[in-house]
Amino acid sequence: MDSLSYKTISVNAANADKQWYVIDANGEVLGRLASQIAKILRGKNKPNFTPNADSGDNVIVINADKIRLTGKKMTDKVYVRHTGYPGGQRFETPAGYLSRRPTVPVEKAVKGMLPRTTLGAAQLRNLHVYAGANHPHEAQTPKVLKLSEIK
């Protein structure tokens, strides 16, 4: 018997089978949604997952303005950023972001679940978040994906 009858396949940019998926965030809990999206962006739901390559799929999130946060996180959770100037620390709640820029909480939650490397930044560029039900990616013929279907 040949001991090398099958070999481990390492995915690279040339042979990564990238798909497009649409996920409806209407009524979904933010953290649970973000962890599933991060899994798809990294490619961990695929049998040929390679940790050092961008083998994940492209994800379109619609209805990001209709997400849920459990407990009192909508008013008690605080996002902190700094302008770069002295005394430039700024604080914002998810309720404030949802009123002004409704895509930011989903983007921040998913970004926090990806690696802090150039690979993580490349995988984050495969995420497209929209506040309403419409998106400009119909030409890619994305498949509708329900969170319960993700393995």
N, C-alpha and C. Protein backbone atom coordinates (compact mmCIF):
# COMPACT_ATOMS: atom_id res chain seq x y z
N MET A 1 0.84 -1.18 0.00
CA MET A 1 0.00 0.00 0.00
C MET A 1 0.88 1.24 0.00
N ASP A 2 0.49 2.18 -0.81
CA ASP A 2 1.22 3.44 -0.89
C ASP A 2 0.86 4.30 0.32
N SER A 3 1.87 4.65 1.11
CA SER A 3 1.59 5.43 2.31
C SER A 3 1.25 6.88 1.98
N LEU A 4 1.56 7.33 0.78
CA LEU A 4 1.24 8.70 0.39
C LEU A 4 0.12 8.71 -0.64
N SER A 5 -0.90 7.90 -0.41
CA SER A 5 -1.98 7.81 -1.39
C SER A 5 -2.86 9.06 -1.40
N TYR A 6 -2.86 9.79 -0.32
CA TYR A 6 -3.59 11.06 -0.32
C TYR A 6 -2.76 12.09 0.42
N LYS A 7 -2.86 13.30 -0.01
CA LYS A 7 -2.02 14.35 0.55
C LYS A 7 -2.90 15.44 1.17
N THR A 8 -2.34 16.13 2.11
CA THR A 8 -3.03 17.25 2.72
C THR A 8 -3.04 18.40 1.74
N ILE A 9 -4.22 18.95 1.53
CA ILE A 9 -4.36 20.05 0.58
C ILE A 9 -4.26 21.37 1.34
N SER A 10 -3.37 22.22 0.89
CA SER A 10 -3.22 23.55 1.48
C SER A 10 -3.81 24.56 0.52
N VAL A 11 -4.77 25.32 0.99
CA VAL A 11 -5.49 26.27 0.15
C VAL A 11 -4.68 27.54 0.01
N ASN A 12 -4.67 28.09 -1.20
CA ASN A 12 -4.09 29.41 -1.43
C ASN A 12 -5.09 30.24 -2.23
N ALA A 13 -4.70 31.43 -2.63
CA ALA A 13 -5.63 32.32 -3.33
C ALA A 13 -6.08 31.76 -4.67
N ALA A 14 -5.25 30.94 -5.28
CA ALA A 14 -5.59 30.41 -6.60
C ALA A 14 -6.65 29.32 -6.54
N ASN A 15 -6.61 28.48 -5.51
CA ASN A 15 -7.57 27.38 -5.48
C ASN A 15 -8.61 27.49 -4.36
N ALA A 16 -8.74 28.66 -3.76
CA ALA A 16 -9.78 28.88 -2.75
C ALA A 16 -11.12 29.05 -3.47
N ASP A 17 -12.07 28.22 -3.13
CA ASP A 17 -13.40 28.28 -3.74
C ASP A 17 -14.25 29.27 -2.95
N LYS A 18 -14.19 30.53 -3.35
CA LYS A 18 -14.90 31.58 -2.61
C LYS A 18 -16.33 31.71 -3.11
N GLN A 19 -17.26 31.73 -2.17
CA GLN A 19 -18.68 31.90 -2.46
C GLN A 19 -19.15 33.24 -1.90
N TRP A 20 -20.35 33.65 -2.28
CA TRP A 20 -20.99 34.85 -1.75
C TRP A 20 -22.24 34.42 -1.00
N TYR A 21 -22.41 34.93 0.21
CA TYR A 21 -23.57 34.60 1.03
C TYR A 21 -24.25 35.88 1.51
N VAL A 22 -25.56 35.81 1.64
CA VAL A 22 -26.35 36.90 2.21
C VAL A 22 -26.91 36.41 3.53
N ILE A 23 -26.71 37.18 4.59
CA ILE A 23 -27.26 36.86 5.90
C ILE A 23 -28.17 38.00 6.32
N ASP A 24 -29.40 37.67 6.70
CA ASP A 24 -30.36 38.66 7.18
C ASP A 24 -30.21 38.78 8.69
N ALA A 25 -29.86 39.98 9.17
CA ALA A 25 -29.62 40.21 10.59
C ALA A 25 -30.88 40.63 11.34
N ASN A 26 -32.01 40.57 10.71
CA ASN A 26 -33.26 41.02 11.32
C ASN A 26 -33.60 40.18 12.54
N GLY A 27 -33.56 40.79 13.73
CA GLY A 27 -33.91 40.11 14.97
C GLY A 27 -32.84 39.20 15.53
N GLU A 28 -31.65 39.16 14.95
CA GLU A 28 -30.58 38.29 15.43
C GLU A 28 -29.79 38.98 16.55
N VAL A 29 -29.28 38.18 17.48
CA VAL A 29 -28.46 38.70 18.57
C VAL A 29 -27.07 39.00 18.01
N LEU A 30 -26.54 40.17 18.34
CA LEU A 30 -25.31 40.68 17.72
C LEU A 30 -24.12 39.73 17.88
N GLY A 31 -23.83 39.28 19.08
CA GLY A 31 -22.65 38.45 19.30
C GLY A 31 -22.74 37.10 18.61
N ARG A 32 -23.91 36.48 18.64
CA ARG A 32 -24.07 35.19 17.99
C ARG A 32 -23.96 35.33 16.48
N LEU A 33 -24.52 36.41 15.95
CA LEU A 33 -24.43 36.69 14.53
C LEU A 33 -22.97 36.91 14.12
N ALA A 34 -22.25 37.72 14.90
CA ALA A 34 -20.87 38.07 14.57
C ALA A 34 -19.95 36.86 14.61
N SER A 35 -20.17 35.95 15.56
CA SER A 35 -19.29 34.78 15.63
C SER A 35 -19.49 33.86 14.44
N GLN A 36 -20.71 33.74 13.96
CA GLN A 36 -20.96 32.91 12.78
C GLN A 36 -20.39 33.56 11.52
N ILE A 37 -20.53 34.89 11.42
CA ILE A 37 -19.97 35.60 10.27
C ILE A 37 -18.45 35.48 10.27
N ALA A 38 -17.81 35.62 11.44
CA ALA A 38 -16.35 35.50 11.51
C ALA A 38 -15.89 34.11 11.11
N LYS A 39 -16.66 33.09 11.47
CA LYS A 39 -16.32 31.72 11.09
C LYS A 39 -16.35 31.56 9.57
N ILE A 40 -17.33 32.17 8.91
CA ILE A 40 -17.43 32.08 7.45
C ILE A 40 -16.31 32.88 6.79
N LEU A 41 -16.02 34.07 7.31
CA LEU A 41 -14.97 34.91 6.73
C LEU A 41 -13.60 34.23 6.82
N ARG A 42 -13.34 33.53 7.91
CA ARG A 42 -12.06 32.82 8.06
C ARG A 42 -12.01 31.55 7.25
N GLY A 43 -13.17 30.95 6.94
CA GLY A 43 -13.20 29.71 6.19
C GLY A 43 -13.21 28.48 7.08
N LYS A 44 -13.51 28.67 8.37
CA LYS A 44 -13.49 27.54 9.30
C LYS A 44 -14.65 26.59 9.10
N ASN A 45 -15.65 26.98 8.32
CA ASN A 45 -16.78 26.09 8.04
C ASN A 45 -16.50 25.17 6.85
N LYS A 46 -15.33 25.28 6.26
CA LYS A 46 -14.97 24.48 5.09
C LYS A 46 -14.05 23.33 5.50
N PRO A 47 -14.12 22.22 4.80
CA PRO A 47 -13.23 21.09 5.15
C PRO A 47 -11.77 21.35 4.81
N ASN A 48 -11.49 22.29 3.92
CA ASN A 48 -10.09 22.56 3.54
C ASN A 48 -9.60 23.86 4.17
N PHE A 49 -9.96 24.11 5.43
CA PHE A 49 -9.53 25.32 6.14
C PHE A 49 -8.02 25.34 6.27
N THR A 50 -7.45 26.47 5.89
CA THR A 50 -6.01 26.69 6.04
C THR A 50 -5.83 27.96 6.85
N PRO A 51 -5.22 27.88 8.03
CA PRO A 51 -5.16 29.05 8.91
C PRO A 51 -4.32 30.21 8.39
N ASN A 52 -3.39 29.95 7.48
CA ASN A 52 -2.52 31.03 7.01
C ASN A 52 -2.91 31.55 5.63
N ALA A 53 -4.13 31.25 5.17
CA ALA A 53 -4.57 31.72 3.86
C ALA A 53 -5.99 32.24 3.95
N ASP A 54 -6.31 33.17 3.07
CA ASP A 54 -7.66 33.72 3.01
C ASP A 54 -8.53 32.75 2.21
N SER A 55 -9.07 31.75 2.88
CA SER A 55 -9.89 30.75 2.21
C SER A 55 -11.37 30.93 2.52
N GLY A 56 -11.72 32.02 3.20
CA GLY A 56 -13.11 32.25 3.59
C GLY A 56 -13.95 32.80 2.46
N ASP A 57 -15.25 32.92 2.72
CA ASP A 57 -16.19 33.39 1.72
C ASP A 57 -16.50 34.88 1.94
N ASN A 58 -17.20 35.46 0.97
CA ASN A 58 -17.67 36.83 1.07
C ASN A 58 -19.05 36.82 1.72
N VAL A 59 -19.28 37.71 2.67
CA VAL A 59 -20.53 37.75 3.41
C VAL A 59 -21.17 39.12 3.25
N ILE A 60 -22.44 39.13 2.89
CA ILE A 60 -23.24 40.35 2.80
C ILE A 60 -24.25 40.28 3.94
N VAL A 61 -24.25 41.28 4.80
CA VAL A 61 -25.20 41.34 5.91
C VAL A 61 -26.21 42.44 5.59
N ILE A 62 -27.48 42.07 5.56
CA ILE A 62 -28.53 43.06 5.33
C ILE A 62 -29.35 43.23 6.61
N ASN A 63 -30.06 44.33 6.70
CA ASN A 63 -30.88 44.68 7.86
C ASN A 63 -30.05 44.77 9.13
N ALA A 64 -28.87 45.35 9.04
CA ALA A 64 -28.00 45.47 10.20
C ALA A 64 -28.57 46.44 11.23
N ASP A 65 -29.50 47.27 10.83
CA ASP A 65 -30.12 48.20 11.78
C ASP A 65 -31.17 47.53 12.66
N LYS A 66 -31.48 46.26 12.40
CA LYS A 66 -32.51 45.56 13.16
C LYS A 66 -31.94 44.45 14.05
N ILE A 67 -30.67 44.59 14.45
CA ILE A 67 -30.06 43.60 15.33
C ILE A 67 -30.59 43.77 16.74
N ARG A 68 -30.38 42.73 17.57
CA ARG A 68 -30.77 42.77 18.97
C ARG A 68 -29.52 42.66 19.83
N LEU A 69 -29.59 43.28 21.00
CA LEU A 69 -28.58 43.09 22.03
C LEU A 69 -29.31 42.65 23.28
N THR A 70 -28.81 41.64 23.96
CA THR A 70 -29.50 41.11 25.12
C THR A 70 -29.22 41.96 26.35
N GLY A 71 -30.09 41.86 27.32
CA GLY A 71 -29.93 42.60 28.56
C GLY A 71 -30.03 44.10 28.33
N LYS A 72 -29.20 44.85 29.05
CA LYS A 72 -29.21 46.31 28.92
C LYS A 72 -28.02 46.81 28.11
N LYS A 73 -27.48 45.94 27.23
CA LYS A 73 -26.30 46.33 26.47
C LYS A 73 -26.56 47.49 25.51
N MET A 74 -27.80 47.66 25.07
CA MET A 74 -28.11 48.74 24.12
C MET A 74 -27.79 50.10 24.71
N THR A 75 -27.92 50.25 26.03
CA THR A 75 -27.65 51.54 26.67
C THR A 75 -26.41 51.51 27.56
N ASP A 76 -26.04 50.33 28.09
CA ASP A 76 -24.93 50.27 29.05
C ASP A 76 -23.59 49.96 28.40
N LYS A 77 -23.57 49.27 27.26
CA LYS A 77 -22.32 48.97 26.57
C LYS A 77 -21.76 50.26 25.99
N VAL A 78 -20.44 50.42 26.05
CA VAL A 78 -19.82 51.66 25.56
C VAL A 78 -18.68 51.31 24.62
N TYR A 79 -18.72 51.88 23.42
CA TYR A 79 -17.60 51.79 22.48
C TYR A 79 -16.71 53.01 22.71
N VAL A 80 -15.40 52.77 22.84
CA VAL A 80 -14.45 53.85 23.11
C VAL A 80 -13.54 54.01 21.90
N ARG A 81 -13.34 55.25 21.48
CA ARG A 81 -12.38 55.54 20.42
C ARG A 81 -11.63 56.81 20.80
N HIS A 82 -10.54 57.07 20.13
CA HIS A 82 -9.74 58.25 20.42
C HIS A 82 -9.45 58.99 19.13
N THR A 83 -9.60 60.32 19.16
CA THR A 83 -9.41 61.12 17.96
C THR A 83 -7.94 61.30 17.62
N GLY A 84 -7.06 61.11 18.59
CA GLY A 84 -5.64 61.33 18.37
C GLY A 84 -5.17 62.65 18.94
N TYR A 85 -6.09 63.47 19.41
CA TYR A 85 -5.75 64.74 20.03
C TYR A 85 -5.84 64.62 21.54
N PRO A 86 -5.15 65.50 22.27
CA PRO A 86 -5.24 65.44 23.74
C PRO A 86 -6.69 65.63 24.19
N GLY A 87 -7.12 64.77 25.09
CA GLY A 87 -8.50 64.83 25.58
C GLY A 87 -9.50 64.38 24.54
N GLY A 88 -9.05 63.60 23.56
CA GLY A 88 -9.91 63.23 22.44
C GLY A 88 -10.60 61.89 22.58
N GLN A 89 -10.79 61.43 23.80
CA GLN A 89 -11.46 60.16 24.00
C GLN A 89 -12.96 60.35 23.80
N ARG A 90 -13.57 59.52 22.95
CA ARG A 90 -15.00 59.64 22.65
C ARG A 90 -15.70 58.34 23.01
N PHE A 91 -16.90 58.46 23.53
CA PHE A 91 -17.68 57.30 23.97
C PHE A 91 -19.00 57.27 23.22
N GLU A 92 -19.45 56.08 22.87
CA GLU A 92 -20.71 55.92 22.12
C GLU A 92 -21.36 54.61 22.52
N THR A 93 -22.67 54.61 22.66
CA THR A 93 -23.41 53.39 22.96
C THR A 93 -23.90 52.76 21.66
N PRO A 94 -24.28 51.50 21.69
CA PRO A 94 -24.85 50.89 20.48
C PRO A 94 -26.12 51.60 20.00
N ALA A 95 -26.91 52.12 20.92
CA ALA A 95 -28.13 52.84 20.52
C ALA A 95 -27.76 54.10 19.72
N GLY A 96 -26.69 54.78 20.14
CA GLY A 96 -26.24 55.96 19.41
C GLY A 96 -25.73 55.61 18.02
N TYR A 97 -24.96 54.52 17.94
CA TYR A 97 -24.46 54.10 16.63
C TYR A 97 -25.59 53.65 15.72
N LEU A 98 -26.58 52.93 16.26
CA LEU A 98 -27.68 52.46 15.43
C LEU A 98 -28.51 53.61 14.88
N SER A 99 -28.54 54.72 15.59
CA SER A 99 -29.30 55.87 15.09
C SER A 99 -28.53 56.64 14.02
N ARG A 100 -27.19 56.71 14.15
CA ARG A 100 -26.39 57.48 13.19
C ARG A 100 -25.79 56.62 12.08
N ARG A 101 -25.07 55.56 12.47
CA ARG A 101 -24.38 54.67 11.51
C ARG A 101 -24.71 53.23 11.87
N PRO A 102 -25.82 52.69 11.39
CA PRO A 102 -26.30 51.39 11.88
C PRO A 102 -25.44 50.19 11.51
N THR A 103 -24.47 50.34 10.64
CA THR A 103 -23.64 49.19 10.27
C THR A 103 -22.46 49.00 11.21
N VAL A 104 -22.12 50.00 12.00
CA VAL A 104 -20.91 49.97 12.83
C VAL A 104 -20.92 48.88 13.89
N PRO A 105 -22.01 48.65 14.65
CA PRO A 105 -21.94 47.59 15.66
C PRO A 105 -21.64 46.21 15.09
N VAL A 106 -22.20 45.89 13.94
CA VAL A 106 -21.92 44.58 13.32
C VAL A 106 -20.46 44.53 12.87
N GLU A 107 -19.98 45.59 12.24
CA GLU A 107 -18.60 45.62 11.77
C GLU A 107 -17.61 45.50 12.93
N LYS A 108 -17.86 46.22 14.02
CA LYS A 108 -16.96 46.17 15.17
C LYS A 108 -16.98 44.79 15.84
N ALA A 109 -18.15 44.18 15.92
CA ALA A 109 -18.25 42.87 16.56
C ALA A 109 -17.51 41.81 15.74
N VAL A 110 -17.66 41.85 14.43
CA VAL A 110 -16.98 40.87 13.58
C VAL A 110 -15.48 41.13 13.58
N LYS A 111 -15.07 42.39 13.52
CA LYS A 111 -13.64 42.73 13.52
C LYS A 111 -12.96 42.24 14.79
N GLY A 112 -13.67 42.30 15.92
CA GLY A 112 -13.11 41.83 17.17
C GLY A 112 -12.92 40.33 17.23
N MET A 113 -13.58 39.59 16.34
CA MET A 113 -13.47 38.14 16.34
C MET A 113 -12.53 37.60 15.27
N LEU A 114 -11.88 38.49 14.53
CA LEU A 114 -10.91 38.08 13.51
C LEU A 114 -9.50 38.33 14.03
N PRO A 115 -8.50 37.66 13.47
CA PRO A 115 -7.12 37.86 13.92
C PRO A 115 -6.65 39.30 13.69
N ARG A 116 -5.77 39.76 14.55
CA ARG A 116 -5.22 41.12 14.44
C ARG A 116 -3.97 41.09 13.59
N THR A 117 -4.10 40.65 12.34
CA THR A 117 -2.98 40.55 11.42
C THR A 117 -3.40 41.09 10.07
N THR A 118 -2.47 41.10 9.13
CA THR A 118 -2.83 41.53 7.77
C THR A 118 -3.81 40.54 7.14
N LEU A 119 -3.72 39.28 7.52
CA LEU A 119 -4.68 38.29 7.03
C LEU A 119 -6.08 38.60 7.56
N GLY A 120 -6.17 38.96 8.83
CA GLY A 120 -7.46 39.35 9.41
C GLY A 120 -8.04 40.57 8.74
N ALA A 121 -7.19 41.52 8.39
CA ALA A 121 -7.66 42.72 7.68
C ALA A 121 -8.15 42.36 6.29
N ALA A 122 -7.47 41.44 5.63
CA ALA A 122 -7.91 41.00 4.30
C ALA A 122 -9.24 40.26 4.39
N GLN A 123 -9.43 39.47 5.43
CA GLN A 123 -10.68 38.75 5.60
C GLN A 123 -11.81 39.70 5.94
N LEU A 124 -11.53 40.77 6.67
CA LEU A 124 -12.55 41.74 7.00
C LEU A 124 -13.04 42.49 5.76
N ARG A 125 -12.18 42.61 4.75
CA ARG A 125 -12.60 43.27 3.51
C ARG A 125 -13.62 42.44 2.73
N ASN A 126 -13.81 41.17 3.10
CA ASN A 126 -14.82 40.33 2.47
C ASN A 126 -16.19 40.48 3.13
N LEU A 127 -16.30 41.37 4.11
CA LEU A 127 -17.56 41.62 4.80
C LEU A 127 -18.19 42.88 4.24
N HIS A 128 -19.47 42.79 3.89
CA HIS A 128 -20.21 43.93 3.36
C HIS A 128 -21.49 44.06 4.17
N VAL A 129 -21.64 45.17 4.92
CA VAL A 129 -22.77 45.34 5.82
C VAL A 129 -23.64 46.49 5.32
N TYR A 130 -24.96 46.26 5.28
CA TYR A 130 -25.91 47.27 4.82
C TYR A 130 -27.05 47.38 5.82
N ALA A 131 -27.52 48.62 6.02
CA ALA A 131 -28.57 48.88 7.00
C ALA A 131 -29.93 48.38 6.52
N GLY A 132 -30.23 48.51 5.26
CA GLY A 132 -31.53 48.12 4.74
C GLY A 132 -31.51 46.72 4.15
N ALA A 133 -32.59 46.41 3.44
CA ALA A 133 -32.73 45.08 2.85
C ALA A 133 -32.11 44.99 1.46
N ASN A 134 -31.66 46.10 0.89
CA ASN A 134 -31.08 46.10 -0.46
C ASN A 134 -29.56 46.13 -0.38
N HIS A 135 -28.92 45.51 -1.37
CA HIS A 135 -27.46 45.55 -1.47
C HIS A 135 -27.07 45.55 -2.95
N PRO A 136 -25.92 46.12 -3.29
CA PRO A 136 -25.51 46.24 -4.70
C PRO A 136 -24.72 45.04 -5.23
N HIS A 137 -24.85 43.86 -4.63
CA HIS A 137 -24.04 42.71 -5.03
C HIS A 137 -24.87 41.62 -5.70
N GLU A 138 -25.92 41.99 -6.40
CA GLU A 138 -26.76 41.00 -7.07
C GLU A 138 -26.02 40.29 -8.21
N ALA A 139 -25.03 40.94 -8.80
CA ALA A 139 -24.28 40.35 -9.91
C ALA A 139 -23.47 39.14 -9.47
N GLN A 140 -23.15 39.05 -8.18
CA GLN A 140 -22.37 37.91 -7.68
C GLN A 140 -23.27 36.71 -7.36
N THR A 141 -24.56 36.84 -7.52
CA THR A 141 -25.57 35.81 -7.22
C THR A 141 -25.31 35.15 -5.87
N PRO A 142 -25.45 35.92 -4.79
CA PRO A 142 -25.18 35.35 -3.46
C PRO A 142 -26.28 34.39 -3.03
N LYS A 143 -25.89 33.41 -2.23
CA LYS A 143 -26.83 32.45 -1.68
C LYS A 143 -27.33 32.96 -0.33
N VAL A 144 -28.62 32.80 -0.08
CA VAL A 144 -29.18 33.19 1.21
C VAL A 144 -28.79 32.13 2.23
N LEU A 145 -28.25 32.58 3.36
CA LEU A 145 -27.76 31.66 4.38
C LEU A 145 -28.43 31.99 5.71
N LYS A 146 -29.01 30.99 6.33
CA LYS A 146 -29.61 31.15 7.65
C LYS A 146 -28.58 30.73 8.70
N LEU A 147 -28.60 31.39 9.86
CA LEU A 147 -27.60 31.09 10.89
C LEU A 147 -27.71 29.66 11.38
N SER A 148 -28.89 29.07 11.35
CA SER A 148 -29.05 27.69 11.81
C SER A 148 -28.41 26.68 10.84
N GLU A 149 -28.12 27.10 9.60
CA GLU A 149 -27.52 26.21 8.61
C GLU A 149 -26.00 26.16 8.68
N ILE A 150 -25.38 27.08 9.40
CA ILE A 150 -23.93 27.16 9.46
C ILE A 150 -23.41 26.08 10.40
N LYS A 151 -22.44 25.34 9.95
CA LYS A 151 -21.88 24.26 10.76
C LYS A 151 -20.63 24.71 11.46
